[in-house]
Amino acid sequence: MSEPTQAAPAAPAPTSTEESQLRIRAALLAATRVAVGTHAGEEVRVRMMHPGPWLPDDPAARPIVYLASMKTDPKIREMSSRPEVALLLHESPTGEEHTSWEMELTGRAEIVRDPAERERAKQATMRTSSIVRYLDSVGQTDLLSFVRVTPRFMKHRVFGEIVAGRPPSILDFGSDAADRPSDRALMARRLGTWKEIVRWPTLTASAASVVVGVAAAFAVTGAVNWGWAFLTLIAAVALQACTNIKNDLDDQLTGADDRNRTPILGFTGGSRVLQRGLATRGELLVAMLGFGLLSTAIGAYFAIAGRAGVLLFGLAGLLIGFIYTGPPLRLANRGLGELAVALAFGVGVVCGTTYVQVGSIPMLALAASIPVSILVALILFINGFQDAASDDEVSKRTMVVRLGLLRASRMYPVIAAIAGLTLVGFVIAGTLPPLALLGLAGFPLFAKATMVARRSFDHPVELVPANAYTVVGHLASALALAVGLVWAGLGGGMNAEVLTVAAFGVLLILYYNHSIGRLASAFYGVRDAVAKS
């Protein structure tokens, strides 16, 4: 007698839409970490972040996932430029494999700008992120960017259920016209990329030197050709943008920027638009050529207008910019990069600007250019700390690499002091007017940068305030020196316009000093908050 045949177990029923909604909402609330994948050119990059879900009252409505990161985070720019993202959430509630689950989410990321929604995003991300909680406790969440991820497709699966044959929970919201960015948004994204390509914050070096050159011309002649001053400003900034791009292209070929593990956007490691896939090498070559031609065209105009000597300044600047990291000399590899850049964007731009205005190079302009040049070199010097390890790997022997981080941190105040003593010396010698001593306005910031550098010379992130203090200190000293030269050209005395400008400058320095102090406090606080969590 044969044994009765047992019926095969029934296949698990598919998850209903309502059940999928409930399971996915519950999983979003349970997740504490999420892997975020973004586009970096033809590559995809992934990093862990803390999710902050926002669930509408209607279970059928599309949920939102918020992410938070510092505004300087390269991931923010990647999501701004290419908003298509993929998220993977994974948790194991009991620590056992059969209870572990994962959720795949694809959608579109947008930076949150509306104040009310930023508050909502903050509340959502505070639940999982100790960094957001700390910055909220000290009132510094303005340092954060919040990102809204709007899902198009969500799939949730529990490992034990998948093994048993149960289908995953799926929600497919599709896409519509509202998911497509406006033309204005597309233009804003591209503008943001171009600002990074030219390294927008660094262009103050050439711009400030132009201002000093114009002020020196006024101190000598009592007059300014404002049209020519504006053209000089465009030419100098275009020249620096051209050489910045050339530096990025060279450092990609040598691998210096690719190997850099501690880049600080806006300060070190280049623009990194190539490394992050925000632009191609071909686009950078076209941009470099365009800026170079713009600067050359303005120089040709000045030459035709009777200032032929300006072509020598322009060609010297281009040459130095091209051999700074490029063959055959690669000046940065020989420890001469700081000197070369100082000559090009300090002495060269200040004296070239005055020459355009006056037709000659007065001793006053040359004297004013030297402390400015030293401070330009100081910017390059402090920015070399974070790049030192990767520079050393590719034999880019900058001053910081040659000295070592500890000795370089001791050299920083020496370089700053040389700039200050040079300025004072020229005033004592009578080459510069006494009011030029206003150029010492940025030196309290260099003192603060010195303290940070001595304490955090081998901690790349904690060194960032020193980078910022140096950039702002250079700008403050250069512009204050220009104010002093103009004031002297007016004969000194109580001049309402000059005093107004000077007062505004003091307020601006105090503002930046406060902002950098908040940034430094945030870095240290975030470090401690993460350590405690």
Protein backbone atom coordinates (compact mmCIF):
# COMPACT_ATOMS: atom_id res chain seq x y z
CA MET A 1 0.00 0.00 0.00
CA SER A 2 1.62 3.28 -1.11
CA GLU A 3 1.90 6.24 1.22
CA PRO A 4 -0.36 9.21 0.45
CA THR A 5 1.36 11.99 -1.48
CA GLN A 6 1.72 15.22 0.52
CA ALA A 7 0.59 18.40 -1.18
CA ALA A 8 3.31 20.97 -1.91
CA PRO A 9 3.16 23.98 0.42
CA ALA A 10 1.37 26.95 -1.03
CA ALA A 11 3.57 29.74 -2.30
CA PRO A 12 3.60 32.78 -0.03
CA ALA A 13 1.09 35.35 -1.10
CA PRO A 14 2.52 38.52 -2.73
CA THR A 15 2.75 41.50 -0.44
CA SER A 16 -0.19 43.83 -0.94
CA THR A 17 0.38 47.51 -1.71
CA GLU A 18 -1.01 48.49 1.70
CA GLU A 19 1.29 46.03 3.48
CA SER A 20 4.27 47.21 1.44
CA GLN A 21 3.54 50.78 2.48
CA LEU A 22 3.42 49.87 6.15
CA ARG A 23 6.54 47.67 6.03
CA ILE A 24 8.56 50.30 4.16
CA ARG A 25 7.47 53.08 6.51
CA ALA A 26 8.45 50.96 9.52
CA ALA A 27 11.82 50.13 7.95
CA LEU A 28 12.57 53.79 7.25
CA LEU A 29 11.98 54.63 10.90
CA ALA A 30 14.16 51.70 12.03
CA ALA A 31 17.16 52.53 9.80
CA THR A 32 20.08 54.34 11.43
CA ARG A 33 22.58 54.28 8.56
CA VAL A 34 22.31 54.46 4.80
CA ALA A 35 24.81 53.92 1.98
CA VAL A 36 24.44 56.76 -0.53
CA GLY A 37 25.59 56.25 -4.10
CA THR A 38 26.18 59.31 -6.31
CA HIS A 39 27.56 59.96 -9.78
CA ALA A 40 31.18 60.99 -10.15
CA GLY A 41 31.52 61.25 -13.91
CA GLU A 42 31.40 57.73 -15.29
CA GLU A 43 31.95 56.27 -11.83
CA VAL A 44 29.63 55.78 -8.88
CA ARG A 45 30.82 56.62 -5.38
CA VAL A 46 29.29 55.42 -2.13
CA ARG A 47 29.50 56.66 1.44
CA MET A 48 27.60 56.07 4.65
CA MET A 49 25.28 58.77 6.00
CA HIS A 50 22.51 59.07 8.58
CA PRO A 51 18.93 59.04 7.21
CA GLY A 52 16.10 61.20 8.46
CA PRO A 53 12.76 59.91 7.11
CA TRP A 54 9.69 62.12 6.91
CA LEU A 55 6.45 60.20 6.58
CA PRO A 56 3.22 61.93 5.49
CA ASP A 57 0.07 61.14 7.43
CA ASP A 58 -1.35 59.34 4.40
CA PRO A 59 0.40 55.94 4.14
CA ALA A 60 -0.17 55.99 0.37
CA ALA A 61 1.76 59.27 -0.05
CA ARG A 62 5.39 59.22 -1.08
CA PRO A 63 7.81 59.31 1.89
CA ILE A 64 10.87 61.56 1.94
CA VAL A 65 14.38 60.75 3.17
CA TYR A 66 16.53 63.63 4.41
CA LEU A 67 20.32 63.55 4.63
CA ALA A 68 22.62 66.04 6.37
CA SER A 69 26.26 66.91 5.87
CA MET A 70 28.64 69.86 6.24
CA LYS A 71 28.30 72.42 3.45
CA THR A 72 31.94 71.79 2.48
CA ASP A 73 31.26 68.08 1.83
CA PRO A 74 32.08 67.14 -1.82
CA LYS A 75 29.08 64.79 -1.74
CA ILE A 76 26.80 67.84 -1.61
CA ARG A 77 28.25 69.19 -4.86
CA GLU A 78 27.99 65.76 -6.49
CA MET A 79 24.31 65.54 -5.61
CA SER A 80 23.74 69.11 -6.75
CA SER A 81 25.35 68.45 -10.13
CA ARG A 82 23.94 64.95 -10.73
CA PRO A 83 20.85 64.56 -8.53
CA GLU A 84 20.09 60.92 -9.39
CA VAL A 85 21.00 58.91 -6.29
CA ALA A 86 20.69 55.37 -4.97
CA LEU A 87 20.30 54.57 -1.27
CA LEU A 88 20.76 51.22 0.44
CA LEU A 89 19.51 50.81 4.01
CA HIS A 90 20.38 47.70 6.01
CA GLU A 91 19.62 46.64 9.56
CA SER A 92 19.70 43.40 11.57
CA PRO A 93 17.23 43.85 14.46
CA THR A 94 18.27 40.72 16.42
CA GLY A 95 21.76 40.29 15.06
CA GLU A 96 20.70 37.09 13.34
CA GLU A 97 20.94 36.66 9.59
CA HIS A 98 17.35 35.55 8.98
CA THR A 99 15.94 38.75 10.56
CA SER A 100 18.23 41.13 8.68
CA TRP A 101 16.67 43.28 6.01
CA GLU A 102 17.68 45.75 3.36
CA MET A 103 15.90 48.41 1.37
CA GLU A 104 16.90 49.73 -2.01
CA LEU A 105 15.78 53.24 -2.89
CA THR A 106 16.42 55.22 -6.07
CA GLY A 107 15.32 58.79 -6.59
CA ARG A 108 16.31 62.42 -6.94
CA ALA A 109 18.27 64.54 -4.47
CA GLU A 110 17.80 68.27 -3.94
CA ILE A 111 19.42 70.71 -1.54
CA VAL A 112 16.82 72.03 0.92
CA ARG A 113 16.72 75.82 0.95
CA ASP A 114 13.30 76.68 2.36
CA PRO A 115 13.73 77.59 6.08
CA ALA A 116 10.63 75.67 7.17
CA GLU A 117 11.74 72.53 5.37
CA ARG A 118 15.29 72.89 6.70
CA GLU A 119 13.81 72.79 10.20
CA ARG A 120 11.85 69.66 9.28
CA ALA A 121 14.98 68.06 7.82
CA LYS A 122 16.95 68.96 10.95
CA GLN A 123 14.39 67.35 13.22
CA ALA A 124 14.34 64.24 11.03
CA THR A 125 18.12 63.77 10.92
CA MET A 126 18.74 64.60 14.58
CA ARG A 127 17.23 61.25 15.48
CA THR A 128 20.10 59.30 13.92
CA SER A 129 23.01 61.76 13.67
CA SER A 130 25.09 62.84 16.67
CA ILE A 131 26.67 65.55 14.49
CA VAL A 132 23.32 67.19 13.77
CA ARG A 133 22.36 66.92 17.45
CA TYR A 134 25.60 68.59 18.53
CA LEU A 135 25.39 71.44 16.02
CA ASP A 136 21.78 72.03 17.01
CA SER A 137 22.73 72.17 20.69
CA VAL A 138 25.22 74.98 19.96
CA GLY A 139 23.03 76.76 17.40
CA GLN A 140 25.29 76.07 14.40
CA THR A 141 23.14 74.03 12.04
CA ASP A 142 23.67 76.81 9.48
CA LEU A 143 26.96 75.01 8.76
CA LEU A 144 24.97 72.04 7.46
CA SER A 145 23.41 71.28 4.12
CA PHE A 146 20.22 69.24 4.20
CA VAL A 147 19.34 67.08 1.20
CA ARG A 148 15.85 65.89 0.31
CA VAL A 149 15.77 62.52 -1.46
CA THR A 150 12.47 61.96 -3.27
CA PRO A 151 12.06 58.23 -4.01
CA ARG A 152 10.94 56.91 -7.37
CA PHE A 153 11.40 53.22 -6.56
CA MET A 154 11.64 51.42 -3.21
CA LYS A 155 12.20 47.71 -2.58
CA HIS A 156 12.26 46.18 0.93
CA ARG A 157 13.25 42.57 1.55
CA VAL A 158 13.80 40.48 4.68
CA PHE A 159 16.44 37.82 4.17
CA GLY A 160 14.52 35.06 5.94
CA GLU A 161 11.37 35.78 3.94
CA ILE A 162 13.22 35.87 0.61
CA VAL A 163 14.74 32.45 1.35
CA ALA A 164 11.24 31.16 2.12
CA GLY A 165 10.05 32.44 -1.24
CA ARG A 166 8.13 35.53 -0.23
CA PRO A 167 8.37 38.39 -2.74
CA PRO A 168 9.82 41.71 -1.56
CA SER A 169 7.74 44.78 -0.78
CA ILE A 170 7.86 47.20 -3.69
CA LEU A 171 6.63 50.77 -4.15
CA ASP A 172 7.09 52.32 -7.59
CA PHE A 173 6.18 56.00 -7.71
CA GLY A 174 7.50 56.56 -11.23
CA SER A 175 8.50 60.03 -12.37
CA ASP A 176 6.64 63.02 -13.70
CA ALA A 177 7.29 66.54 -14.91
CA ALA A 178 7.72 67.75 -11.32
CA ASP A 179 10.74 65.47 -10.97
CA ARG A 180 12.57 67.21 -13.80
CA PRO A 181 14.70 70.21 -12.80
CA SER A 182 13.86 73.59 -14.28
CA ASP A 183 16.16 75.35 -16.74
CA ARG A 184 17.01 77.79 -13.99
CA ALA A 185 18.05 74.95 -11.68
CA LEU A 186 20.19 73.41 -14.43
CA MET A 187 21.93 76.75 -15.02
CA ALA A 188 22.53 77.20 -11.29
CA ARG A 189 24.11 73.74 -11.08
CA ARG A 190 26.43 74.47 -13.98
CA LEU A 191 27.37 77.84 -12.54
CA GLY A 192 28.27 76.12 -9.28
CA THR A 193 30.52 73.73 -11.18
CA TRP A 194 32.25 76.57 -13.03
CA LYS A 195 32.90 78.36 -9.74
CA GLU A 196 34.67 75.22 -8.57
CA ILE A 197 36.59 74.85 -11.83
CA VAL A 198 38.18 78.29 -11.46
CA ARG A 199 38.49 77.87 -7.64
CA TRP A 200 36.41 80.96 -7.02
CA PRO A 201 37.55 81.68 -3.40
CA THR A 202 41.24 81.79 -4.42
CA LEU A 203 40.70 84.53 -7.02
CA THR A 204 40.83 87.12 -4.24
CA ALA A 205 44.63 86.82 -4.49
CA SER A 206 44.79 88.44 -7.92
CA ALA A 207 41.82 90.76 -7.30
CA ALA A 208 43.34 92.17 -4.11
CA SER A 209 46.65 92.79 -5.88
CA VAL A 210 44.84 94.77 -8.59
CA VAL A 211 43.22 96.93 -5.90
CA VAL A 212 46.62 97.61 -4.31
CA GLY A 213 48.07 98.48 -7.74
CA VAL A 214 45.26 100.93 -8.48
CA ALA A 215 45.67 102.49 -5.02
CA ALA A 216 49.41 102.86 -5.57
CA ALA A 217 48.74 104.64 -8.88
CA PHE A 218 46.31 107.00 -7.15
CA ALA A 219 48.83 107.72 -4.37
CA VAL A 220 51.34 108.78 -7.04
CA THR A 221 49.14 110.64 -9.53
CA GLY A 222 45.91 111.43 -7.69
CA ALA A 223 43.87 109.98 -10.54
CA VAL A 224 42.46 106.61 -11.69
CA ASN A 225 41.33 105.42 -15.12
CA TRP A 226 38.41 103.31 -13.89
CA GLY A 227 37.74 101.68 -17.26
CA TRP A 228 41.30 100.44 -17.47
CA ALA A 229 41.21 99.41 -13.81
CA PHE A 230 38.16 97.23 -14.49
CA LEU A 231 39.79 95.64 -17.54
CA THR A 232 42.94 94.98 -15.52
CA LEU A 233 40.85 93.25 -12.86
CA ILE A 234 39.23 90.98 -15.46
CA ALA A 235 42.61 90.19 -17.06
CA ALA A 236 44.28 89.36 -13.73
CA VAL A 237 41.43 87.17 -12.50
CA ALA A 238 41.23 85.41 -15.90
CA LEU A 239 44.98 84.81 -15.79
CA GLN A 240 44.73 83.25 -12.33
CA ALA A 241 41.74 81.13 -13.39
CA CYS A 242 43.76 79.93 -16.39
CA THR A 243 46.72 78.92 -14.23
CA ASN A 244 44.46 77.32 -11.59
CA ILE A 245 42.99 75.07 -14.28
CA LYS A 246 46.46 74.31 -15.68
CA ASN A 247 47.51 73.25 -12.18
CA ASP A 248 44.53 70.87 -11.94
CA LEU A 249 45.36 69.34 -15.31
CA ASP A 250 49.02 68.85 -14.36
CA ASP A 251 48.21 67.39 -10.94
CA GLN A 252 45.85 64.89 -12.53
CA LEU A 253 48.62 63.65 -14.83
CA THR A 254 51.10 63.29 -11.97
CA GLY A 255 48.45 61.78 -9.68
CA ALA A 256 48.92 64.39 -6.94
CA ASP A 257 45.21 65.22 -6.65
CA ASP A 258 44.07 61.64 -7.28
CA ARG A 259 46.20 60.41 -4.38
CA ASN A 260 45.12 63.21 -2.04
CA ARG A 261 43.17 61.60 0.80
CA THR A 262 42.58 64.78 2.78
CA PRO A 263 41.44 67.43 0.30
CA ILE A 264 39.65 70.46 1.75
CA LEU A 265 37.41 71.99 -0.89
CA GLY A 266 38.10 75.68 -1.40
CA PHE A 267 41.58 75.41 0.08
CA THR A 268 43.60 72.30 -0.82
CA GLY A 269 43.71 69.38 -3.21
CA GLY A 270 42.78 71.44 -6.27
CA SER A 271 39.25 71.98 -7.50
CA ARG A 272 38.73 68.17 -7.74
CA VAL A 273 36.17 68.61 -10.50
CA LEU A 274 38.02 65.92 -12.46
CA GLN A 275 38.24 63.52 -9.53
CA ARG A 276 34.53 63.95 -8.77
CA GLY A 277 33.44 63.75 -12.39
CA LEU A 278 31.92 67.23 -12.45
CA ALA A 279 33.84 68.12 -15.61
CA THR A 280 36.00 66.35 -18.18
CA ARG A 281 39.61 66.98 -19.03
CA GLY A 282 38.48 68.31 -22.42
CA GLU A 283 36.19 70.86 -20.76
CA LEU A 284 39.03 72.06 -18.54
CA LEU A 285 41.35 72.40 -21.54
CA VAL A 286 38.76 74.55 -23.33
CA ALA A 287 38.22 76.64 -20.19
CA MET A 288 41.95 77.13 -19.71
CA LEU A 289 42.33 78.28 -23.31
CA GLY A 290 39.32 80.61 -23.01
CA PHE A 291 40.59 82.36 -19.88
CA GLY A 292 44.08 82.58 -21.31
CA LEU A 293 42.79 84.18 -24.54
CA LEU A 294 40.63 86.63 -22.56
CA SER A 295 43.61 87.81 -20.52
CA THR A 296 45.78 88.00 -23.65
CA ALA A 297 43.16 90.00 -25.56
CA ILE A 298 42.96 92.61 -22.80
CA GLY A 299 46.75 92.79 -22.70
CA ALA A 300 46.81 93.32 -26.49
CA TYR A 301 44.31 96.16 -26.12
CA PHE A 302 46.51 97.88 -23.53
CA ALA A 303 49.53 97.43 -25.80
CA ILE A 304 47.72 99.10 -28.69
CA ALA A 305 46.59 101.88 -26.33
CA GLY A 306 50.19 102.73 -25.45
CA ARG A 307 51.04 100.31 -22.65
CA ALA A 308 53.08 97.75 -24.61
CA GLY A 309 55.06 96.78 -21.52
CA VAL A 310 51.97 95.13 -20.04
CA LEU A 311 52.51 92.22 -22.44
CA LEU A 312 55.70 91.38 -20.53
CA PHE A 313 53.75 91.20 -17.28
CA GLY A 314 51.09 89.01 -18.85
CA LEU A 315 53.52 86.66 -20.56
CA ALA A 316 55.57 86.34 -17.37
CA GLY A 317 52.41 85.48 -15.41
CA LEU A 318 51.36 82.88 -17.96
CA LEU A 319 54.82 81.37 -18.07
CA ILE A 320 55.06 81.08 -14.29
CA GLY A 321 51.55 79.63 -14.12
CA PHE A 322 52.35 77.01 -16.75
CA ILE A 323 55.67 75.86 -15.32
CA TYR A 324 54.42 75.99 -11.71
CA THR A 325 53.42 72.31 -11.90
CA GLY A 326 54.04 71.69 -15.61
CA PRO A 327 57.13 70.63 -17.54
CA PRO A 328 59.92 71.30 -18.06
CA LEU A 329 60.69 73.02 -14.74
CA ARG A 330 57.79 72.00 -12.46
CA LEU A 331 58.69 74.74 -9.97
CA ALA A 332 56.42 73.35 -7.24
CA ASN A 333 58.35 70.07 -7.34
CA ARG A 334 61.55 71.99 -6.62
CA GLY A 335 60.19 73.92 -3.63
CA LEU A 336 59.94 77.11 -5.69
CA GLY A 337 56.17 77.13 -6.16
CA GLU A 338 55.44 79.58 -3.36
CA LEU A 339 58.08 82.02 -4.64
CA ALA A 340 56.83 81.75 -8.23
CA VAL A 341 53.19 82.37 -7.35
CA ALA A 342 54.17 85.25 -5.07
CA LEU A 343 56.05 86.93 -7.90
CA ALA A 344 53.26 86.36 -10.42
CA PHE A 345 50.24 87.40 -8.37
CA GLY A 346 51.94 89.77 -5.96
CA VAL A 347 54.73 91.79 -7.56
CA GLY A 348 53.55 91.06 -11.10
CA VAL A 349 49.89 92.01 -10.70
CA VAL A 350 50.45 95.01 -8.39
CA CYS A 351 53.20 96.52 -10.53
CA GLY A 352 51.47 95.60 -13.77
CA THR A 353 48.28 97.31 -12.62
CA THR A 354 50.16 100.47 -11.64
CA TYR A 355 52.01 100.42 -14.96
CA VAL A 356 48.71 100.34 -16.85
CA GLN A 357 47.53 103.38 -14.90
CA VAL A 358 50.76 105.43 -14.80
CA GLY A 359 52.90 104.17 -17.70
CA SER A 360 55.79 103.38 -15.36
CA ILE A 361 56.49 101.46 -12.16
CA PRO A 362 56.97 103.87 -9.23
CA MET A 363 59.08 102.69 -6.30
CA LEU A 364 55.97 103.06 -4.10
CA ALA A 365 54.14 100.39 -6.15
CA LEU A 366 57.10 98.01 -6.03
CA ALA A 367 57.40 98.45 -2.27
CA ALA A 368 53.67 97.88 -1.75
CA SER A 369 53.81 94.71 -3.85
CA ILE A 370 56.44 92.93 -1.74
CA PRO A 371 54.49 92.36 1.53
CA VAL A 372 51.45 91.46 -0.57
CA SER A 373 53.57 88.89 -2.43
CA ILE A 374 54.83 87.34 0.79
CA LEU A 375 51.25 86.96 2.03
CA VAL A 376 50.24 85.30 -1.27
CA ALA A 377 53.06 82.82 -0.65
CA LEU A 378 51.77 82.31 2.89
CA ILE A 379 48.38 81.20 1.52
CA LEU A 380 50.06 78.62 -0.69
CA PHE A 381 52.28 77.56 2.21
CA ILE A 382 49.48 76.83 4.70
CA ASN A 383 47.39 75.11 2.02
CA GLY A 384 50.29 72.75 1.44
CA PHE A 385 49.87 71.07 4.84
CA GLN A 386 46.85 68.97 3.87
CA ASP A 387 48.44 68.13 0.51
CA ALA A 388 51.84 67.18 1.91
CA ALA A 389 51.36 63.39 2.01
CA SER A 390 50.05 63.08 -1.56
CA ASP A 391 52.56 65.65 -2.86
CA ASP A 392 55.42 63.64 -1.35
CA GLU A 393 54.16 60.44 -3.00
CA VAL A 394 54.47 61.98 -6.47
CA SER A 395 57.75 63.81 -5.73
CA LYS A 396 56.09 67.22 -5.59
CA ARG A 397 58.60 68.66 -3.14
CA THR A 398 56.83 71.76 -1.89
CA MET A 399 58.24 73.83 0.98
CA VAL A 400 55.99 72.00 3.44
CA VAL A 401 57.12 68.59 2.16
CA ARG A 402 60.77 69.61 2.42
CA LEU A 403 60.41 71.04 5.91
CA GLY A 404 58.06 68.43 7.31
CA LEU A 405 54.77 69.33 9.00
CA LEU A 406 56.23 70.17 12.43
CA ARG A 407 58.98 72.48 11.17
CA ALA A 408 56.60 73.99 8.61
CA SER A 409 54.17 74.90 11.41
CA ARG A 410 57.03 76.77 13.11
CA MET A 411 57.94 78.49 9.84
CA TYR A 412 54.41 79.88 9.30
CA PRO A 413 54.71 82.77 11.81
CA VAL A 414 58.20 83.54 10.49
CA ILE A 415 56.88 84.09 6.96
CA ALA A 416 54.00 86.22 8.28
CA ALA A 417 56.46 88.26 10.39
CA ILE A 418 58.71 88.87 7.37
CA ALA A 419 55.73 90.32 5.50
CA GLY A 420 54.89 92.64 8.42
CA LEU A 421 58.49 93.73 9.01
CA THR A 422 58.93 94.42 5.30
CA LEU A 423 55.91 96.73 5.34
CA VAL A 424 57.13 98.52 8.46
CA GLY A 425 60.63 98.81 6.99
CA PHE A 426 59.40 100.50 3.82
CA VAL A 427 57.41 102.98 5.92
CA ILE A 428 60.44 103.77 8.09
CA ALA A 429 62.55 104.20 4.95
CA GLY A 430 59.99 106.62 3.56
CA THR A 431 59.23 104.49 0.50
CA LEU A 432 55.67 103.96 1.69
CA PRO A 433 53.55 106.57 3.53
CA PRO A 434 52.81 106.02 7.25
CA LEU A 435 49.16 105.29 6.44
CA ALA A 436 50.37 102.15 4.64
CA LEU A 437 50.69 100.62 8.11
CA LEU A 438 46.96 99.96 7.85
CA GLY A 439 48.20 96.94 5.91
CA LEU A 440 48.91 95.29 9.27
CA ALA A 441 45.15 94.89 9.75
CA GLY A 442 45.18 91.18 8.90
CA PHE A 443 48.02 90.21 11.21
CA PRO A 444 45.86 89.35 14.24
CA LEU A 445 44.32 86.69 11.98
CA PHE A 446 47.77 85.33 11.13
CA ALA A 447 48.43 85.09 14.87
CA LYS A 448 45.28 82.99 15.26
CA ALA A 449 46.30 80.85 12.29
CA THR A 450 49.68 80.30 13.94
CA MET A 451 48.04 78.92 17.08
CA VAL A 452 45.89 76.56 15.04
CA ALA A 453 48.84 75.44 12.89
CA ARG A 454 51.06 74.76 15.91
CA ARG A 455 48.31 72.70 17.55
CA SER A 456 46.79 70.88 14.55
CA PHE A 457 49.55 70.78 11.91
CA ASP A 458 49.02 67.02 11.40
CA HIS A 459 45.21 67.01 11.65
CA PRO A 460 43.93 68.04 8.20
CA VAL A 461 40.33 68.85 9.15
CA GLU A 462 41.17 70.66 12.37
CA LEU A 463 43.74 72.73 10.44
CA VAL A 464 41.01 74.24 8.20
CA PRO A 465 40.54 77.37 10.37
CA ALA A 466 44.23 78.17 9.80
CA ASN A 467 43.65 78.00 6.03
CA ALA A 468 40.65 80.30 6.39
CA TYR A 469 42.39 82.78 8.72
CA THR A 470 45.28 83.05 6.24
CA VAL A 471 43.07 83.73 3.22
CA VAL A 472 41.03 86.35 5.08
CA GLY A 473 44.16 87.83 6.67
CA HIS A 474 45.77 88.30 3.25
CA LEU A 475 42.63 89.92 1.88
CA ALA A 476 42.27 92.19 4.91
CA SER A 477 45.92 93.31 4.80
CA ALA A 478 45.90 93.93 1.04
CA LEU A 479 42.69 95.94 1.06
CA ALA A 480 43.67 97.86 4.18
CA LEU A 481 47.01 98.69 2.55
CA ALA A 482 45.08 99.98 -0.47
CA VAL A 483 42.93 102.14 1.79
CA GLY A 484 46.07 103.54 3.41
CA LEU A 485 47.62 104.40 0.03
CA VAL A 486 44.45 106.10 -1.19
CA TRP A 487 44.17 108.03 2.08
CA ALA A 488 47.76 109.18 1.71
CA GLY A 489 47.02 110.21 -1.88
CA LEU A 490 44.18 112.37 -0.58
CA GLY A 491 46.55 114.08 1.82
CA GLY A 492 45.46 112.24 4.97
CA GLY A 493 43.26 114.03 7.45
CA MET A 494 39.64 113.36 8.31
CA ASN A 495 38.20 112.13 5.04
CA ALA A 496 34.62 110.90 5.50
CA GLU A 497 34.67 108.53 2.52
CA VAL A 498 37.91 106.85 3.51
CA LEU A 499 36.85 106.57 7.15
CA THR A 500 33.58 104.95 6.04
CA VAL A 501 35.43 102.41 3.92
CA ALA A 502 37.87 101.72 6.76
CA ALA A 503 35.02 101.23 9.26
CA PHE A 504 33.29 98.85 6.86
CA GLY A 505 36.56 96.94 6.49
CA VAL A 506 36.93 96.58 10.25
CA LEU A 507 33.40 95.24 10.55
CA LEU A 508 34.07 92.78 7.72
CA ILE A 509 37.24 91.52 9.39
CA LEU A 510 35.39 91.08 12.68
CA TYR A 511 32.61 89.20 10.87
CA TYR A 512 35.02 86.78 9.21
CA ASN A 513 36.94 86.35 12.45
CA HIS A 514 33.71 85.39 14.19
CA SER A 515 32.65 83.08 11.35
CA ILE A 516 35.97 81.22 11.29
CA GLY A 517 35.88 80.92 15.07
CA ARG A 518 32.45 79.32 14.83
CA LEU A 519 33.77 76.97 12.15
CA ALA A 520 36.69 75.94 14.34
CA SER A 521 34.40 75.40 17.32
CA ALA A 522 32.10 73.29 15.16
CA PHE A 523 34.97 71.07 13.96
CA TYR A 524 36.16 70.37 17.49
CA GLY A 525 32.63 69.85 18.77
CA VAL A 526 31.71 67.47 15.95
CA ARG A 527 34.87 65.49 16.61
CA ASP A 528 34.00 65.12 20.29
CA ALA A 529 30.35 64.33 19.55
CA VAL A 530 31.29 61.55 17.14
CA ALA A 531 33.82 60.15 19.62
CA LYS A 532 31.20 60.01 22.38
CA SER A 533 28.60 58.37 20.14
